[in-house]
C-alpha atoms as a PDB file:
ATOM      1  CA  UNK A   1       0.067  -0.124  -0.055  1.00  0.00           C
ATOM      2  CA  UNK A   2       1.290   3.424  -0.852  1.00  0.00           C
ATOM      3  CA  UNK A   3       1.411   6.066   1.785  1.00  0.00           C
ATOM      4  CA  UNK A   4       0.389   9.741   0.826  1.00  0.00           C
ATOM      5  CA  UNK A   5       3.283  12.048   1.340  1.00  0.00           C
ATOM      6  CA  UNK A   6       2.212  15.292   2.814  1.00  0.00           C
ATOM      7  CA  UNK A   7       3.134  17.920   5.526  1.00  0.00           C
ATOM      8  CA  UNK A   8       1.763  20.575   7.686  1.00  0.00           C
ATOM      9  CA  UNK A   9       3.677  23.212   9.569  1.00  0.00           C
ATOM     10  CA  UNK A  10       3.300  25.322  12.760  1.00  0.00           C
ATOM     11  CA  UNK A  11       4.583  28.874  12.583  1.00  0.00           C
ATOM     12  CA  UNK A  12       4.205  29.625  16.319  1.00  0.00           C
ATOM     13  CA  UNK A  13       0.718  30.955  16.008  1.00  0.00           C
ATOM     14  CA  UNK A  14      -1.036  28.953  13.433  1.00  0.00           C
ATOM     15  CA  UNK A  15      -1.025  25.490  11.972  1.00  0.00           C
ATOM     16  CA  UNK A  16      -0.692  25.493   8.119  1.00  0.00           C
ATOM     17  CA  UNK A  17      -2.283  22.425   6.414  1.00  0.00           C
ATOM     18  CA  UNK A  18      -1.027  23.262   2.934  1.00  0.00           C
ATOM     19  CA  UNK A  19       2.751  23.656   2.889  1.00  0.00           C
ATOM     20  CA  UNK A  20       5.619  22.929   0.496  1.00  0.00           C
ATOM     21  CA  UNK A  21       9.203  22.169   1.077  1.00  0.00           C
ATOM     22  CA  UNK A  22      11.609  24.542  -0.730  1.00  0.00           C
ATOM     23  CA  UNK A  23      15.065  23.788  -2.131  1.00  0.00           C
ATOM     24  CA  UNK A  24      16.721  24.433   1.262  1.00  0.00           C
ATOM     25  CA  UNK A  25      14.429  21.955   3.054  1.00  0.00           C
ATOM     26  CA  UNK A  26      12.349  24.921   4.733  1.00  0.00           C
ATOM     27  CA  UNK A  27       8.632  24.591   4.941  1.00  0.00           C
ATOM     28  CA  UNK A  28       6.835  27.411   3.148  1.00  0.00           C
ATOM     29  CA  UNK A  29       3.139  28.246   2.885  1.00  0.00           C
ATOM     30  CA  UNK A  30       1.230  26.976  -0.163  1.00  0.00           C
ATOM     31  CA  UNK A  31       1.121  29.595  -2.997  1.00  0.00           C
ATOM     32  CA  UNK A  32       4.697  30.728  -2.754  1.00  0.00           C
ATOM     33  CA  UNK A  33       7.293  29.471  -5.199  1.00  0.00           C
ATOM     34  CA  UNK A  34       9.887  27.119  -3.757  1.00  0.00           C
ATOM     35  CA  UNK A  35      12.703  29.616  -4.766  1.00  0.00           C
ATOM     36  CA  UNK A  36      11.073  32.456  -2.840  1.00  0.00           C
ATOM     37  CA  UNK A  37      12.101  32.882   0.743  1.00  0.00           C
ATOM     38  CA  UNK A  38      10.367  35.895   2.349  1.00  0.00           C
ATOM     39  CA  UNK A  39       9.077  36.163   5.933  1.00  0.00           C
ATOM     40  CA  UNK A  40       5.441  35.784   4.808  1.00  0.00           C
ATOM     41  CA  UNK A  41       6.270  32.459   3.199  1.00  0.00           C
ATOM     42  CA  UNK A  42       7.723  30.754   6.324  1.00  0.00           C
ATOM     43  CA  UNK A  43       5.356  28.128   7.556  1.00  0.00           C
ATOM     44  CA  UNK A  44       7.579  27.110  10.513  1.00  0.00           C
ATOM     45  CA  UNK A  45       8.129  23.683  12.004  1.00  0.00           C
ATOM     46  CA  UNK A  46       7.144  20.929   9.573  1.00  0.00           C
ATOM     47  CA  UNK A  47       5.416  17.619  10.553  1.00  0.00           C
ATOM     48  CA  UNK A  48       5.092  14.648   8.163  1.00  0.00           C
ATOM     49  CA  UNK A  49       1.812  12.658   7.622  1.00  0.00           C
ATOM     50  CA  UNK A  50       2.195   9.021   8.959  1.00  0.00           C
ATOM     51  CA  UNK A  51      -0.475   7.574   6.515  1.00  0.00           C
ATOM     52  CA  UNK A  52      -2.597   6.568   9.462  1.00  0.00           C
ATOM     53  CA  UNK A  53      -5.756   7.846  11.044  1.00  0.00           C
ATOM     54  CA  UNK A  54      -7.238   7.707  14.505  1.00  0.00           C
ATOM     55  CA  UNK A  55     -10.707   6.275  15.521  1.00  0.00           C
ATOM     56  CA  UNK A  56     -12.421   9.448  14.373  1.00  0.00           C
ATOM     57  CA  UNK A  57     -10.693   9.450  10.835  1.00  0.00           C
ATOM     58  CA  UNK A  58      -8.251  12.217  11.843  1.00  0.00           C
ATOM     59  CA  UNK A  59      -4.874  12.096  10.156  1.00  0.00           C
ATOM     60  CA  UNK A  60      -1.949  11.338  12.459  1.00  0.00           C
ATOM     61  CA  UNK A  61       1.286  13.512  11.976  1.00  0.00           C
ATOM     62  CA  UNK A  62       4.709  13.529  13.384  1.00  0.00           C
ATOM     63  CA  UNK A  63       4.433  15.646  16.604  1.00  0.00           C
ATOM     64  CA  UNK A  64       0.754  14.572  17.349  1.00  0.00           C
ATOM     65  CA  UNK A  65      -0.170  13.569  20.898  1.00  0.00           C
ATOM     66  CA  UNK A  66      -2.443  10.522  21.053  1.00  0.00           C
ATOM     67  CA  UNK A  67      -4.632   9.049  23.739  1.00  0.00           C
ATOM     68  CA  UNK A  68      -4.365   5.338  23.424  1.00  0.00           C
ATOM     69  CA  UNK A  69      -6.313   2.549  25.261  1.00  0.00           C
ATOM     70  CA  UNK A  70      -4.208  -0.422  26.195  1.00  0.00           C
ATOM     71  CA  UNK A  71      -5.225  -3.854  25.071  1.00  0.00           C
ATOM     72  CA  UNK A  72      -2.513  -5.666  27.261  1.00  0.00           C
ATOM     73  CA  UNK A  73      -4.346  -8.171  29.327  1.00  0.00           C
ATOM     74  CA  UNK A  74      -2.409  -6.861  32.405  1.00  0.00           C
ATOM     75  CA  UNK A  75      -3.485  -3.416  31.946  1.00  0.00           C
ATOM     76  CA  UNK A  76      -6.615  -3.801  29.807  1.00  0.00           C
ATOM     77  CA  UNK A  77      -8.428  -0.439  29.285  1.00  0.00           C
ATOM     78  CA  UNK A  78      -5.551   1.678  30.759  1.00  0.00           C
ATOM     79  CA  UNK A  79      -5.433   5.113  29.199  1.00  0.00           C
ATOM     80  CA  UNK A  80      -1.865   6.243  27.951  1.00  0.00           C
ATOM     81  CA  UNK A  81      -0.838   9.467  26.422  1.00  0.00           C
ATOM     82  CA  UNK A  82       1.821   9.202  23.698  1.00  0.00           C
ATOM     83  CA  UNK A  83       3.618  11.395  21.243  1.00  0.00           C
ATOM     84  CA  UNK A  84       4.492  10.560  17.642  1.00  0.00           C
ATOM     85  CA  UNK A  85       8.040  11.155  16.464  1.00  0.00           C
ATOM     86  CA  UNK A  86       9.863  10.287  13.220  1.00  0.00           C
ATOM     87  CA  UNK A  87      13.169   8.544  13.960  1.00  0.00           C
ATOM     88  CA  UNK A  88      15.316   6.176  12.002  1.00  0.00           C
ATOM     89  CA  UNK A  89      13.021   6.358   8.996  1.00  0.00           C
ATOM     90  CA  UNK A  90      10.125   5.169  11.118  1.00  0.00           C
ATOM     91  CA  UNK A  91       7.230   6.660  13.111  1.00  0.00           C
ATOM     92  CA  UNK A  92       7.602   5.938  16.946  1.00  0.00           C
ATOM     93  CA  UNK A  93       5.265   6.494  19.894  1.00  0.00           C
ATOM     94  CA  UNK A  94       6.897   7.552  23.015  1.00  0.00           C
ATOM     95  CA  UNK A  95       5.023   7.459  26.299  1.00  0.00           C
ATOM     96  CA  UNK A  96       5.147   9.777  29.246  1.00  0.00           C
ATOM     97  CA  UNK A  97       7.912   8.476  31.501  1.00  0.00           C
ATOM     98  CA  UNK A  98       9.130   6.083  28.800  1.00  0.00           C
ATOM     99  CA  UNK A  99       6.451   3.561  29.687  1.00  0.00           C
ATOM    100  CA  UNK A 100       7.194   1.701  26.487  1.00  0.00           C
ATOM    101  CA  UNK A 101      10.913   1.165  27.258  1.00  0.00           C
ATOM    102  CA  UNK A 102      14.028   3.090  26.136  1.00  0.00           C
ATOM    103  CA  UNK A 103      13.196   3.326  22.471  1.00  0.00           C
ATOM    104  CA  UNK A 104       9.247   3.569  22.404  1.00  0.00           C
ATOM    105  CA  UNK A 105       7.226   1.381  20.156  1.00  0.00           C
ATOM    106  CA  UNK A 106       6.512   1.688  16.456  1.00  0.00           C
ATOM    107  CA  UNK A 107       3.394   3.529  15.599  1.00  0.00           C
ATOM    108  CA  UNK A 108       1.880   0.884  13.360  1.00  0.00           C
ATOM    109  CA  UNK A 109       2.315  -1.740  16.080  1.00  0.00           C
ATOM    110  CA  UNK A 110       0.514   0.507  18.698  1.00  0.00           C
ATOM    111  CA  UNK A 111      -2.289   1.769  16.482  1.00  0.00           C
ATOM    112  CA  UNK A 112      -5.660   0.237  15.971  1.00  0.00           C
ATOM    113  CA  UNK A 113      -8.208   2.718  14.979  1.00  0.00           C
ATOM    114  CA  UNK A 114     -10.720   1.910  17.744  1.00  0.00           C
ATOM    115  CA  UNK A 115      -8.174   2.498  20.517  1.00  0.00           C
ATOM    116  CA  UNK A 116      -6.416   5.654  19.411  1.00  0.00           C
ATOM    117  CA  UNK A 117      -7.388   9.339  19.305  1.00  0.00           C
ATOM    118  CA  UNK A 118      -5.398  12.410  18.403  1.00  0.00           C
ATOM    119  CA  UNK A 119      -5.873  14.989  21.098  1.00  0.00           C
ATOM    120  CA  UNK A 120      -3.434  17.657  20.036  1.00  0.00           C
ATOM    121  CA  UNK A 121       0.137  18.150  19.168  1.00  0.00           C
ATOM    122  CA  UNK A 122       3.406  18.979  20.856  1.00  0.00           C
ATOM    123  CA  UNK A 123       3.658  22.478  19.358  1.00  0.00           C
ATOM    124  CA  UNK A 124       0.204  23.930  20.065  1.00  0.00           C
ATOM    125  CA  UNK A 125      -0.382  21.980  23.279  1.00  0.00           C
ATOM    126  CA  UNK A 126       2.966  21.047  25.005  1.00  0.00           C
ATOM    127  CA  UNK A 127       1.129  20.695  28.295  1.00  0.00           C
ATOM    128  CA  UNK A 128      -0.539  17.388  27.175  1.00  0.00           C
ATOM    129  CA  UNK A 129       2.673  15.464  27.829  1.00  0.00           C
ATOM    130  CA  UNK A 130       2.890  16.675  31.451  1.00  0.00           C
END
């Protein structure tokens, strides 16, 4: 299955869903040319789409914070808060207090649509991980 490659970016005030990457690897707002670099074009910190959605059909991006319901028989139904990161060419989930171990867990292994919900992202709502 092919994964759609797309990005969004947060400029410190606003999330931009339509962004492009210029020749320098910087995220610019949709509508500017890749060779333009003006302050108005800056879209900020980029986040890549994982190709996955949560239980409500919301797209999951690098930087998102997920509320996840455990299916482990020893902690069945336990709610955990995890953040999504892109590391070593893979999407990972890292829990508060490293509850998944030193390296986290692969997003695809953790995710089943009925147990996972996007509740925000680390840029607009950094308090979600506290």
